[in-house]
Amino acid sequence: MTEPFSLSALISAKIENSITKQTKAIFPDVTNHYETLFGGTALSWMDEIAFICATRFSRLRVVTVSTDRIDFKRPIPAGKIAELVAKVKRVGETSLVVGVEMFTEDMYGEGRELAVRGDFTFVAIDENKKPTKVLN
């Protein structure tokens, strides 16, 4: 006998399978005049990894429709390592929210700290660029 279909189990499995991580070295070419990661670069990296996560979750065309509460908790100086981690937080009918956290760590030491976090909302679109269901 097979177990009944569980939408929440399917969503949970899809969330776990779509977690996306990316590691970056903070070189001088991405820093500002304070020698810390330029905020616009951080946002671009976060939107990109959120897009990849949303696409992996839905396997559909998705577009960013909003960002929410981007918190820069600490600067990320040149010479550090940054790791971005994206995970789906909420799934709606045609949209989903991806949370992104960016951690910083020393290249030559132990420890890791949360530096930036934010949420990105995506809408799934069809070939006519109209909203479509995230889960079919």
C-alpha atoms as a PDB file:
ATOM      1  CA  MET A   1       0.000   0.000   0.000  1.00  0.00           C
ATOM      2  CA  THR A   2       1.364   3.443  -0.919  1.00  0.00           C
ATOM      3  CA  GLU A   3       1.249   6.449   1.358  1.00  0.00           C
ATOM      4  CA  PRO A   4      -1.165   9.245   0.450  1.00  0.00           C
ATOM      5  CA  PHE A   5       0.252  12.156  -1.507  1.00  0.00           C
ATOM      6  CA  SER A   6       1.482  14.915   0.798  1.00  0.00           C
ATOM      7  CA  LEU A   7       1.854  18.382  -0.689  1.00  0.00           C
ATOM      8  CA  SER A   8       3.755  19.623   2.351  1.00  0.00           C
ATOM      9  CA  ALA A   9       6.227  16.716   2.044  1.00  0.00           C
ATOM     10  CA  LEU A  10       6.717  17.532  -1.637  1.00  0.00           C
ATOM     11  CA  ILE A  11       7.299  21.214  -0.871  1.00  0.00           C
ATOM     12  CA  SER A  12       9.720  20.367   1.950  1.00  0.00           C
ATOM     13  CA  ALA A  13      11.710  18.068  -0.327  1.00  0.00           C
ATOM     14  CA  LYS A  14      11.796  20.681  -3.100  1.00  0.00           C
ATOM     15  CA  ILE A  15      12.979  23.325  -0.614  1.00  0.00           C
ATOM     16  CA  GLU A  16      15.826  21.123   0.619  1.00  0.00           C
ATOM     17  CA  ASN A  17      16.835  20.170  -2.932  1.00  0.00           C
ATOM     18  CA  SER A  18      16.909  23.789  -4.078  1.00  0.00           C
ATOM     19  CA  ILE A  19      19.113  25.248  -1.320  1.00  0.00           C
ATOM     20  CA  THR A  20      21.856  27.074  -3.183  1.00  0.00           C
ATOM     21  CA  LYS A  21      25.280  28.141  -1.905  1.00  0.00           C
ATOM     22  CA  GLN A  22      27.976  30.239  -3.495  1.00  0.00           C
ATOM     23  CA  THR A  23      31.347  31.293  -2.140  1.00  0.00           C
ATOM     24  CA  LYS A  24      33.167  34.460  -3.171  1.00  0.00           C
ATOM     25  CA  ALA A  25      36.552  35.965  -2.338  1.00  0.00           C
ATOM     26  CA  ILE A  26      36.308  39.675  -1.607  1.00  0.00           C
ATOM     27  CA  PHE A  27      38.916  41.237  -3.865  1.00  0.00           C
ATOM     28  CA  PRO A  28      39.579  44.989  -4.164  1.00  0.00           C
ATOM     29  CA  ASP A  29      37.694  45.237  -7.481  1.00  0.00           C
ATOM     30  CA  VAL A  30      34.334  44.732  -5.673  1.00  0.00           C
ATOM     31  CA  THR A  31      34.962  47.093  -2.770  1.00  0.00           C
ATOM     32  CA  ASN A  32      34.083  50.725  -2.186  1.00  0.00           C
ATOM     33  CA  HIS A  33      36.290  53.583  -1.006  1.00  0.00           C
ATOM     34  CA  TYR A  34      36.142  52.145   2.558  1.00  0.00           C
ATOM     35  CA  GLU A  35      37.642  48.882   1.240  1.00  0.00           C
ATOM     36  CA  THR A  36      34.485  46.932   2.087  1.00  0.00           C
ATOM     37  CA  LEU A  37      32.166  45.062  -0.261  1.00  0.00           C
ATOM     38  CA  PHE A  38      30.110  47.566  -2.270  1.00  0.00           C
ATOM     39  CA  GLY A  39      26.430  47.299  -1.272  1.00  0.00           C
ATOM     40  CA  GLY A  40      25.239  47.197  -4.881  1.00  0.00           C
ATOM     41  CA  THR A  41      27.507  44.235  -5.578  1.00  0.00           C
ATOM     42  CA  ALA A  42      26.181  42.429  -2.497  1.00  0.00           C
ATOM     43  CA  LEU A  43      22.586  42.998  -3.673  1.00  0.00           C
ATOM     44  CA  SER A  44      23.414  41.792  -7.171  1.00  0.00           C
ATOM     45  CA  TRP A  45      25.015  38.610  -5.843  1.00  0.00           C
ATOM     46  CA  MET A  46      22.049  38.033  -3.512  1.00  0.00           C
ATOM     47  CA  ASP A  47      19.477  38.517  -6.284  1.00  0.00           C
ATOM     48  CA  GLU A  48      21.402  36.148  -8.552  1.00  0.00           C
ATOM     49  CA  ILE A  49      21.624  33.340  -5.992  1.00  0.00           C
ATOM     50  CA  ALA A  50      17.967  33.873  -5.015  1.00  0.00           C
ATOM     51  CA  PHE A  51      17.020  33.580  -8.710  1.00  0.00           C
ATOM     52  CA  ILE A  52      18.968  30.322  -9.033  1.00  0.00           C
ATOM     53  CA  CYS A  53      17.312  28.920  -5.894  1.00  0.00           C
ATOM     54  CA  ALA A  54      13.813  29.931  -7.087  1.00  0.00           C
ATOM     55  CA  THR A  55      14.476  28.399 -10.501  1.00  0.00           C
ATOM     56  CA  ARG A  56      15.785  25.164  -8.981  1.00  0.00           C
ATOM     57  CA  PHE A  57      12.690  24.965  -6.768  1.00  0.00           C
ATOM     58  CA  SER A  58      10.109  25.671  -9.470  1.00  0.00           C
ATOM     59  CA  ARG A  59      11.921  24.676 -12.693  1.00  0.00           C
ATOM     60  CA  LEU A  60       9.999  27.561 -14.249  1.00  0.00           C
ATOM     61  CA  ARG A  61      10.847  31.012 -15.570  1.00  0.00           C
ATOM     62  CA  VAL A  62      10.857  33.371 -12.593  1.00  0.00           C
ATOM     63  CA  VAL A  63      11.350  37.115 -12.235  1.00  0.00           C
ATOM     64  CA  THR A  64      12.210  39.192  -9.193  1.00  0.00           C
ATOM     65  CA  VAL A  65       9.246  41.342  -8.164  1.00  0.00           C
ATOM     66  CA  SER A  66      10.471  42.695  -4.841  1.00  0.00           C
ATOM     67  CA  THR A  67      13.124  42.643  -2.182  1.00  0.00           C
ATOM     68  CA  ASP A  68      12.309  42.991   1.466  1.00  0.00           C
ATOM     69  CA  ARG A  69      14.310  44.125   4.446  1.00  0.00           C
ATOM     70  CA  ILE A  70      17.903  43.859   3.315  1.00  0.00           C
ATOM     71  CA  ASP A  71      19.902  44.110   6.532  1.00  0.00           C
ATOM     72  CA  PHE A  72      23.596  44.919   6.346  1.00  0.00           C
ATOM     73  CA  LYS A  73      24.669  43.661   9.774  1.00  0.00           C
ATOM     74  CA  ARG A  74      28.429  44.129   9.360  1.00  0.00           C
ATOM     75  CA  PRO A  75      30.823  45.295   6.642  1.00  0.00           C
ATOM     76  CA  ILE A  76      32.673  42.729   4.555  1.00  0.00           C
ATOM     77  CA  PRO A  77      36.256  43.927   4.080  1.00  0.00           C
ATOM     78  CA  ALA A  78      38.537  43.056   1.191  1.00  0.00           C
ATOM     79  CA  GLY A  79      40.490  39.909   1.932  1.00  0.00           C
ATOM     80  CA  LYS A  80      37.546  38.026   3.435  1.00  0.00           C
ATOM     81  CA  ILE A  81      35.532  35.086   2.131  1.00  0.00           C
ATOM     82  CA  ALA A  82      31.789  35.500   1.683  1.00  0.00           C
ATOM     83  CA  GLU A  83      29.349  32.605   1.458  1.00  0.00           C
ATOM     84  CA  LEU A  84      25.832  33.218   0.185  1.00  0.00           C
ATOM     85  CA  VAL A  85      23.112  30.746   1.125  1.00  0.00           C
ATOM     86  CA  ALA A  86      19.644  30.882  -0.475  1.00  0.00           C
ATOM     87  CA  LYS A  87      16.615  28.922   0.679  1.00  0.00           C
ATOM     88  CA  VAL A  88      12.913  29.090  -0.217  1.00  0.00           C
ATOM     89  CA  LYS A  89      10.965  30.460   2.758  1.00  0.00           C
ATOM     90  CA  ARG A  90       7.394  30.653   1.439  1.00  0.00           C
ATOM     91  CA  VAL A  91       5.509  29.295  -1.543  1.00  0.00           C
ATOM     92  CA  GLY A  92       2.365  30.957  -2.873  1.00  0.00           C
ATOM     93  CA  GLU A  93       0.209  30.185  -5.869  1.00  0.00           C
ATOM     94  CA  THR A  94       2.334  32.077  -8.426  1.00  0.00           C
ATOM     95  CA  SER A  95       5.094  33.445  -6.204  1.00  0.00           C
ATOM     96  CA  LEU A  96       7.753  32.341  -3.797  1.00  0.00           C
ATOM     97  CA  VAL A  97      10.015  34.061  -1.297  1.00  0.00           C
ATOM     98  CA  VAL A  98      13.691  33.191  -1.100  1.00  0.00           C
ATOM     99  CA  GLY A  99      15.733  34.158   1.940  1.00  0.00           C
ATOM    100  CA  VAL A 100      19.399  34.896   1.361  1.00  0.00           C
ATOM    101  CA  GLU A 101      22.077  35.100   4.021  1.00  0.00           C
ATOM    102  CA  MET A 102      25.631  36.220   3.359  1.00  0.00           C
ATOM    103  CA  PHE A 103      28.245  35.085   5.847  1.00  0.00           C
ATOM    104  CA  THR A 104      31.778  36.373   6.155  1.00  0.00           C
ATOM    105  CA  GLU A 105      34.864  34.561   7.355  1.00  0.00           C
ATOM    106  CA  ASP A 106      38.585  35.174   7.563  1.00  0.00           C
ATOM    107  CA  MET A 107      40.640  33.520   4.868  1.00  0.00           C
ATOM    108  CA  TYR A 108      43.280  32.440   7.375  1.00  0.00           C
ATOM    109  CA  GLY A 109      41.266  31.879  10.532  1.00  0.00           C
ATOM    110  CA  GLU A 110      38.246  30.106  11.930  1.00  0.00           C
ATOM    111  CA  GLY A 111      34.803  31.514  12.548  1.00  0.00           C
ATOM    112  CA  ARG A 112      31.923  32.793  10.485  1.00  0.00           C
ATOM    113  CA  GLU A 113      29.504  35.661  11.005  1.00  0.00           C
ATOM    114  CA  LEU A 114      26.261  36.728   9.386  1.00  0.00           C
ATOM    115  CA  ALA A 115      26.946  39.929   7.454  1.00  0.00           C
ATOM    116  CA  VAL A 116      23.876  40.519   5.260  1.00  0.00           C
ATOM    117  CA  ARG A 117      20.423  39.008   4.986  1.00  0.00           C
ATOM    118  CA  GLY A 118      17.365  39.696   2.874  1.00  0.00           C
ATOM    119  CA  ASP A 119      14.271  38.271   1.228  1.00  0.00           C
ATOM    120  CA  PHE A 120      13.549  38.209  -2.496  1.00  0.00           C
ATOM    121  CA  THR A 121      10.093  37.578  -3.959  1.00  0.00           C
ATOM    122  CA  PHE A 122       9.760  35.948  -7.366  1.00  0.00           C
ATOM    123  CA  VAL A 123       6.784  35.333  -9.618  1.00  0.00           C
ATOM    124  CA  ALA A 124       6.697  32.378 -11.997  1.00  0.00           C
ATOM    125  CA  ILE A 125       5.791  33.363 -15.549  1.00  0.00           C
ATOM    126  CA  ASP A 126       4.712  31.447 -18.636  1.00  0.00           C
ATOM    127  CA  GLU A 127       5.930  31.885 -22.209  1.00  0.00           C
ATOM    128  CA  ASN A 128       3.642  34.941 -22.548  1.00  0.00           C
ATOM    129  CA  LYS A 129       5.175  36.529 -19.434  1.00  0.00           C
ATOM    130  CA  LYS A 130       1.945  36.027 -17.482  1.00  0.00           C
ATOM    131  CA  PRO A 131       1.957  34.683 -13.906  1.00  0.00           C
ATOM    132  CA  THR A 132       1.682  30.916 -13.718  1.00  0.00           C
ATOM    133  CA  LYS A 133       1.314  28.426 -10.872  1.00  0.00           C
ATOM    134  CA  VAL A 134       4.538  27.595  -9.044  1.00  0.00           C
ATOM    135  CA  LEU A 135       3.340  24.051  -8.348  1.00  0.00           C
ATOM    136  CA  ASN A 136       1.292  22.138 -10.885  1.00  0.00           C
END
